[in-house]
C-alpha atoms as a PDB file:
ATOM      1  CA  MET A   1     -62.046  -4.563 -60.538  1.00  0.00           C
ATOM      2  CA  ALA A   2     -64.856  -5.701 -58.239  1.00  0.00           C
ATOM      3  CA  ALA A   3     -65.279  -8.922 -60.217  1.00  0.00           C
ATOM      4  CA  LEU A   4     -61.560  -9.772 -60.049  1.00  0.00           C
ATOM      5  CA  LEU A   5     -60.942  -8.873 -56.406  1.00  0.00           C
ATOM      6  CA  PRO A   6     -62.594 -11.965 -54.800  1.00  0.00           C
ATOM      7  CA  ALA A   7     -60.544 -14.318 -56.978  1.00  0.00           C
ATOM      8  CA  VAL A   8     -57.324 -12.559 -55.982  1.00  0.00           C
ATOM      9  CA  THR A   9     -58.036 -12.247 -52.259  1.00  0.00           C
ATOM     10  CA  ALA A  10     -59.707 -15.640 -51.629  1.00  0.00           C
ATOM     11  CA  PRO A  11     -56.451 -17.654 -51.382  1.00  0.00           C
ATOM     12  CA  ALA A  12     -54.945 -15.153 -48.966  1.00  0.00           C
ATOM     13  CA  PHE A  13     -58.089 -14.958 -46.827  1.00  0.00           C
ATOM     14  CA  ARG A  14     -58.186 -18.762 -46.492  1.00  0.00           C
ATOM     15  CA  ARG A  15     -54.942 -18.576 -44.538  1.00  0.00           C
ATOM     16  CA  ARG A  16     -55.718 -15.401 -42.559  1.00  0.00           C
ATOM     17  CA  SER A  17     -58.745 -13.189 -42.291  1.00  0.00           C
ATOM     18  CA  PRO A  18     -58.315  -9.466 -43.046  1.00  0.00           C
ATOM     19  CA  ALA A  19     -59.035  -8.602 -39.415  1.00  0.00           C
ATOM     20  CA  SER A  20     -56.333 -10.952 -38.110  1.00  0.00           C
ATOM     21  CA  VAL A  21     -53.857  -9.522 -40.597  1.00  0.00           C
ATOM     22  CA  GLN A  22     -54.683  -6.081 -39.216  1.00  0.00           C
ATOM     23  CA  VAL A  23     -53.755  -7.288 -35.712  1.00  0.00           C
ATOM     24  CA  PHE A  24     -50.398  -8.559 -36.981  1.00  0.00           C
ATOM     25  CA  THR A  25     -49.540  -5.461 -39.018  1.00  0.00           C
ATOM     26  CA  ASP A  26     -50.739  -2.873 -36.496  1.00  0.00           C
ATOM     27  CA  TRP A  27     -49.416  -4.666 -33.396  1.00  0.00           C
ATOM     28  CA  ALA A  28     -47.152  -1.795 -32.282  1.00  0.00           C
ATOM     29  CA  ASP A  29     -50.032   0.683 -32.536  1.00  0.00           C
ATOM     30  CA  ILE A  30     -52.418  -1.596 -30.646  1.00  0.00           C
ATOM     31  CA  VAL A  31     -50.229  -2.451 -27.644  1.00  0.00           C
ATOM     32  CA  GLY A  32     -47.890   0.538 -27.667  1.00  0.00           C
ATOM     33  CA  PRO A  33     -44.152   0.719 -28.344  1.00  0.00           C
ATOM     34  CA  ALA A  34     -43.043  -0.569 -24.930  1.00  0.00           C
ATOM     35  CA  HIS A  35     -44.956  -3.855 -25.202  1.00  0.00           C
ATOM     36  CA  ALA A  36     -44.357  -4.173 -28.952  1.00  0.00           C
ATOM     37  CA  ALA A  37     -40.604  -4.149 -28.307  1.00  0.00           C
ATOM     38  CA  VAL A  38     -40.835  -7.387 -26.293  1.00  0.00           C
ATOM     39  CA  THR A  39     -43.866  -9.146 -27.819  1.00  0.00           C
ATOM     40  CA  ALA A  40     -45.141 -10.332 -31.173  1.00  0.00           C
ATOM     41  CA  PRO A  41     -48.467 -11.880 -32.169  1.00  0.00           C
ATOM     42  CA  SER A  42     -47.764 -15.331 -33.540  1.00  0.00           C
ATOM     43  CA  LYS A  43     -51.120 -17.030 -34.175  1.00  0.00           C
ATOM     44  CA  LEU A  44     -54.827 -16.262 -34.138  1.00  0.00           C
ATOM     45  CA  SER A  45     -57.122 -19.267 -34.081  1.00  0.00           C
ATOM     46  CA  ALA A  46     -60.709 -19.714 -32.863  1.00  0.00           C
ATOM     47  CA  GLY A  47     -60.696 -16.468 -30.908  1.00  0.00           C
ATOM     48  CA  THR A  48     -57.400 -17.204 -29.150  1.00  0.00           C
ATOM     49  CA  LEU A  49     -54.466 -14.922 -29.913  1.00  0.00           C
ATOM     50  CA  THR A  50     -51.069 -16.454 -29.167  1.00  0.00           C
ATOM     51  CA  ILE A  51     -48.504 -13.833 -28.206  1.00  0.00           C
ATOM     52  CA  ALA A  52     -44.785 -14.572 -28.153  1.00  0.00           C
ATOM     53  CA  CYS A  53     -43.110 -12.783 -25.232  1.00  0.00           C
ATOM     54  CA  ALA A  54     -39.457 -12.159 -24.485  1.00  0.00           C
ATOM     55  CA  GLY A  55     -38.468 -12.377 -20.853  1.00  0.00           C
ATOM     56  CA  PRO A  56     -40.874 -12.042 -17.921  1.00  0.00           C
ATOM     57  CA  VAL A  57     -43.296  -9.748 -19.760  1.00  0.00           C
ATOM     58  CA  ALA A  58     -45.780 -12.627 -20.139  1.00  0.00           C
ATOM     59  CA  MET A  59     -46.643 -12.364 -16.438  1.00  0.00           C
ATOM     60  CA  GLU A  60     -47.290  -8.631 -16.748  1.00  0.00           C
ATOM     61  CA  LEU A  61     -49.444  -9.099 -19.846  1.00  0.00           C
ATOM     62  CA  GLN A  62     -51.384 -11.879 -18.153  1.00  0.00           C
ATOM     63  CA  HIS A  63     -52.506  -9.346 -15.546  1.00  0.00           C
ATOM     64  CA  LEU A  64     -53.397  -6.875 -18.316  1.00  0.00           C
ATOM     65  CA  SER A  65     -55.085  -9.466 -20.527  1.00  0.00           C
ATOM     66  CA  ASP A  66     -58.638  -8.081 -20.163  1.00  0.00           C
ATOM     67  CA  THR A  67     -57.447  -4.609 -21.107  1.00  0.00           C
ATOM     68  CA  LEU A  68     -55.359  -5.983 -23.975  1.00  0.00           C
ATOM     69  CA  VAL A  69     -58.277  -8.003 -25.380  1.00  0.00           C
ATOM     70  CA  ALA A  70     -60.473  -4.898 -25.205  1.00  0.00           C
ATOM     71  CA  ARG A  71     -57.818  -2.808 -27.029  1.00  0.00           C
ATOM     72  CA  ILE A  72     -57.417  -5.406 -29.777  1.00  0.00           C
ATOM     73  CA  ASN A  73     -61.167  -5.744 -30.303  1.00  0.00           C
ATOM     74  CA  THR A  74     -61.647  -1.973 -30.267  1.00  0.00           C
ATOM     75  CA  TRP A  75     -58.868  -1.564 -32.830  1.00  0.00           C
ATOM     76  CA  CYS A  76     -60.391  -4.190 -35.143  1.00  0.00           C
ATOM     77  CA  GLY A  77     -63.945  -2.981 -34.640  1.00  0.00           C
ATOM     78  CA  HIS A  78     -65.474  -6.251 -33.449  1.00  0.00           C
ATOM     79  CA  GLY A  79     -64.941  -9.213 -31.087  1.00  0.00           C
ATOM     80  CA  LEU A  80     -62.074 -10.905 -32.903  1.00  0.00           C
ATOM     81  CA  VAL A  81     -60.129 -12.038 -29.817  1.00  0.00           C
ATOM     82  CA  ALA A  82     -61.712 -13.702 -26.782  1.00  0.00           C
ATOM     83  CA  ARG A  83     -58.635 -15.156 -25.063  1.00  0.00           C
ATOM     84  CA  LEU A  84     -54.885 -14.605 -24.986  1.00  0.00           C
ATOM     85  CA  ARG A  85     -52.237 -17.285 -24.809  1.00  0.00           C
ATOM     86  CA  PHE A  86     -48.656 -16.362 -23.931  1.00  0.00           C
ATOM     87  CA  VAL A  87     -45.567 -18.301 -25.009  1.00  0.00           C
ATOM     88  CA  GLN A  88     -41.929 -17.592 -24.220  1.00  0.00           C
ATOM     89  CA  ASP A  89     -39.818 -16.581 -27.213  1.00  0.00           C
ATOM     90  CA  PRO A  90     -36.491 -14.822 -26.655  1.00  0.00           C
ATOM     91  CA  GLN A  91     -36.590 -13.523 -30.240  1.00  0.00           C
ATOM     92  CA  ALA A  92     -39.982 -11.777 -29.872  1.00  0.00           C
ATOM     93  CA  GLY A  93     -38.565  -8.313 -29.271  1.00  0.00           C
ATOM     94  CA  ILE A  94     -35.938  -8.656 -31.991  1.00  0.00           C
ATOM     95  CA  ARG A  95     -38.473  -9.332 -34.752  1.00  0.00           C
ATOM     96  CA  LEU A  96     -40.359  -6.111 -34.090  1.00  0.00           C
ATOM     97  CA  ALA A  97     -37.337  -3.957 -33.313  1.00  0.00           C
ATOM     98  CA  ALA A  98     -37.589  -0.505 -34.828  1.00  0.00           C
ATOM     99  CA  PRO A  99     -35.891  -0.269 -38.208  1.00  0.00           C
ATOM    100  CA  LYS A 100     -32.773   1.811 -38.506  1.00  0.00           C
ATOM    101  CA  LEU A 101     -33.578   5.375 -39.411  1.00  0.00           C
ATOM    102  CA  ARG A 102     -32.702   6.409 -42.922  1.00  0.00           C
ATOM    103  CA  ALA A 103     -32.324   9.834 -44.383  1.00  0.00           C
ATOM    104  CA  PRO A 104     -35.759  11.036 -45.487  1.00  0.00           C
ATOM    105  CA  SER A 105     -36.553  10.410 -49.115  1.00  0.00           C
ATOM    106  CA  LEU A 106     -36.938  13.384 -51.413  1.00  0.00           C
ATOM    107  CA  ARG A 107     -39.664  11.539 -53.301  1.00  0.00           C
ATOM    108  CA  PRO A 108     -43.224  12.206 -52.143  1.00  0.00           C
ATOM    109  CA  ASN A 109     -45.181   9.323 -50.634  1.00  0.00           C
ATOM    110  CA  PRO A 110     -46.962   7.406 -53.394  1.00  0.00           C
ATOM    111  CA  GLN A 111     -50.712   7.753 -53.641  1.00  0.00           C
ATOM    112  CA  CYS A 112     -53.075   5.070 -54.833  1.00  0.00           C
ATOM    113  CA  THR A 113     -56.679   5.777 -55.764  1.00  0.00           C
ATOM    114  CA  VAL A 114     -59.646   3.631 -56.696  1.00  0.00           C
ATOM    115  CA  PRO A 115     -61.774   6.174 -58.595  1.00  0.00           C
ATOM    116  CA  ASP A 116     -64.515   3.759 -59.685  1.00  0.00           C
ATOM    117  CA  MET A 117     -65.554   2.822 -56.146  1.00  0.00           C
ATOM    118  CA  GLU A 118     -67.958   4.783 -54.012  1.00  0.00           C
ATOM    119  CA  GLU A 119     -66.592   6.434 -50.860  1.00  0.00           C
ATOM    120  CA  SER A 120     -66.513   3.675 -48.188  1.00  0.00           C
ATOM    121  CA  PRO A 121     -64.248   2.082 -45.586  1.00  0.00           C
ATOM    122  CA  LEU A 122     -63.358  -0.646 -48.123  1.00  0.00           C
ATOM    123  CA  ARG A 123     -62.187   1.955 -50.632  1.00  0.00           C
ATOM    124  CA  ALA A 124     -60.078   3.690 -47.968  1.00  0.00           C
ATOM    125  CA  ALA A 125     -58.539   0.359 -46.946  1.00  0.00           C
ATOM    126  CA  LEU A 126     -57.724  -0.581 -50.546  1.00  0.00           C
ATOM    127  CA  GLU A 127     -56.167   2.825 -51.204  1.00  0.00           C
ATOM    128  CA  ALA A 128     -54.064   2.565 -48.040  1.00  0.00           C
ATOM    129  CA  LEU A 129     -52.946  -0.946 -49.010  1.00  0.00           C
ATOM    130  CA  GLY A 130     -52.035   0.223 -52.510  1.00  0.00           C
ATOM    131  CA  ALA A 131     -50.051   3.165 -51.128  1.00  0.00           C
ATOM    132  CA  ARG A 132     -48.126   0.845 -48.785  1.00  0.00           C
ATOM    133  CA  ILE A 133     -47.308  -1.537 -51.624  1.00  0.00           C
ATOM    134  CA  LEU A 134     -46.090   1.315 -53.809  1.00  0.00           C
ATOM    135  CA  GLN A 135     -44.043   2.689 -50.914  1.00  0.00           C
ATOM    136  CA  GLU A 136     -42.387  -0.717 -50.377  1.00  0.00           C
ATOM    137  CA  LYS A 137     -41.562  -0.927 -54.092  1.00  0.00           C
ATOM    138  CA  GLN A 138     -39.901   2.489 -53.919  1.00  0.00           C
ATOM    139  CA  LYS A 139     -37.712   1.344 -51.020  1.00  0.00           C
ATOM    140  CA  ARG A 140     -36.288  -1.507 -53.092  1.00  0.00           C
END
């Protein structure tokens, strides 16, 4: 598994680093539900995170930019973002709108394990990724 993993992940990591993907996927948890409803991260390049904002929220976030940068870097565990850039996008809140609630599934959440790896943050991340993929497959 360890020998195959770099060949599989290299093409994806050329486009986006794992840390930047974490910012995009965990955006609502990083900024909170109120800001996530009207914003969306759109691009991360050379330490500058471009955030699409619906309405006048860009002005508010500009005043909170130091706090927001600190939250993002704390969430990712290192200095990934140095600057924020805000762009107007009326569709920003619509893309991250909360999905419609469904009746809870009677099936248990799928579990994914990597038994041959030692206990580490990488193993936990791979297991969480595998569980999410299996959960998405169950939804279809």
